Amino acid sequence: MAEESYDVIIVGGGFTGTYNLYKLTKCGFRCKLIEKGSDFGGTWYWNRYPGARVDTYVPGYEFSLEEVWKDWEWKDAYPSGEDLLTYFAHLDRKLGLRPHCLFNTTVKSAHWNEGTHSWDVVAEGNTGLYKANSRYFILGVGNLAVPYVPKIKGLDKFAGKWSHTARWPKEGIEFQGKRVGLIGTGASGVQIVQEAGTKARQLTVFQRTPNMAVPMRQRPLNSQDQLLASASYPDFHRKRRQTFGTYDYDMNGRETLEDTDEQRELLYEELWTLGGFRPFLGGYTDVLKSQHANDLLYAFWRKKVSERISDDRKRAILAPEVPPHPIGAKRASLEQNYWEVMCQSNVDLVDMNEEPIIEVTATGVRTTKREYELDVLVLATGFDAFTGGFFQIDIRGEGGRTIQEHWKDGIRSYLGTSIDQFPNLWYIYGPHGPVALNTVPVVVEIQTDWLATLLEHLRDRSVTRVVAKTAATETYGRHVSEIAPPLLLKANSWYLGANIPGKMRAVRDYMGGVPAYINELAKEVEEGYPGYQTE
């Protein structure tokens, strides 16, 4: 069993892990990154399903490091999963990450050692157990790291091929000419429909909640366009830290009813034409605060998508007159031809509210009304978000207290980066941070840059132990709950943990916008880190 010692051990090789490794190594800390997979990529390493694509346009979903973007090109405005894996390989080449990494290795436990003010970490890989200790332990496990597989009777008896979208086999699963079943119509489900619907002999979609998807406005990119655009990248990257949702646009400062009906319709049309998340993050400020404002936006959305749904029965299921939840209360999915594919004759839509699934059989899926014969079954059933990745590891803080015990009555976090009673432990892009409504690389840079400054501050003062104060943690937790837009609380979304049976329903995300969050971090620095106790 190898025994090694580091300043920092980082768990996870996605955006969080790679940027933390780059930043902290640059600051002179001896770091080790441990990754379960065989390469970098994080979410994109595991989500290899056909049609996987990010919902943020170029250059929004990348780091602001000039040495990385200056000689990098994307193929599409909204990059594919394959292109993102290529981007991670580019990151590795430019930043020299791999020598500091251990792949194909799963962190099993991390226990706080009060005697040495360090973390004792045990991992398991291809060569057996790996043991190390570090002054600091950073979790970059990702918000969407643990797929949720619902307990469906008979799933293990299915004779065809089945997979969750987040554990797609590298060799792939063939859709061409097959009878494909899809359970779930979230973001991954929308992308599977667009891919499988054009190839499968028959696609059967089992839907519980309609997806209020909005247009992606995808387009190919060429080298000349990107070369010209790159001159503005520094300004673009600065601006995305100044807007609520980390995009290069922001809400317009007006409430819905301040405009006339005609003005409102013109704005809705403009945002719809531009595409992306603009209807929610580029328009009126009260969409998630006022039910009436939300109803008006839903009516517009329903009108636009109904024009593209030619089948009357499917239209009633996909775009119901009465919305199942406020529009925008779940992270919107971006679509390219979702509605048209759903209306194809080879695509069947099953409303699970009227026709629940009873079991999976050897040959298909049986509902309360009939059995659907399938060759392939795809589960696009989401994730155990925010806390799932934490609970996969035996993490023990002061007095051997587990993180599960500490969070049994709800998340306890200070500034969305640290946990009281867990000294020298940090996490990035996780609970009570700005996650659900924002873009991963931007938030990762903001939090990691702040953390690097703090760790340098501690090193300069020979501090070996730092922990969030309980009082500060409780105050911050109340703040996170108070600023959540009221309409977000009406949806059973992963924002609240409501998609997982038995999981406590609570606000898990900082929803005050990135500028407000940056102010929280800046205030902590300016006041001399009053929320932390040090030794």
Foldseek 3Di string as FASTA:
>chain_A
DAEAEWAEEEEAQELQQLVLQLVQVVVVTQYAYEYQAPAHHQQLVQQPAPQAWAQAFPPLFDALDCLLPVPDDAFKRTGHSVVSRVSSVSSCVSRVRVVRYDYNKAWAAWEQDPVQCWIWTWIAGPVGIDIYIHLFYEYANDFFNFFDDDDFAPPVQAQFAEDESRRADPVGDDLAAFEEEEEDCAQVNLSCLVVNLVGHQAYEYEDAAAALAAASPMDTDDPVVVNVCVVCSVVQQVCLLVEQASGNAFEPAAAQVVDDPVVNVVVLVVQRVVIGPCVPGHYHPCCLADPVNQLVSLVVSLVVLVVLAPDPVVSCRNRNPDHPARPPLAPHHHHHNSRNSCNDPRYHYHHCVVWPWRHAHRAATQTPPGGDGGNYYYYHLGGLGQCPSQVSHQYAFPPRHGPCNVAVVHDFDALQFAHARHKSYTYFQGFAEAHRSYHPSSRSVLVSVLVSVVVVVCVVVVWSIKGFDRVNRVVSQVVQQVQPRVRSLGDLYSCQSSSDPPDHGGHGHRNPGSVVSSVSSVVCVVVPNPRMDID
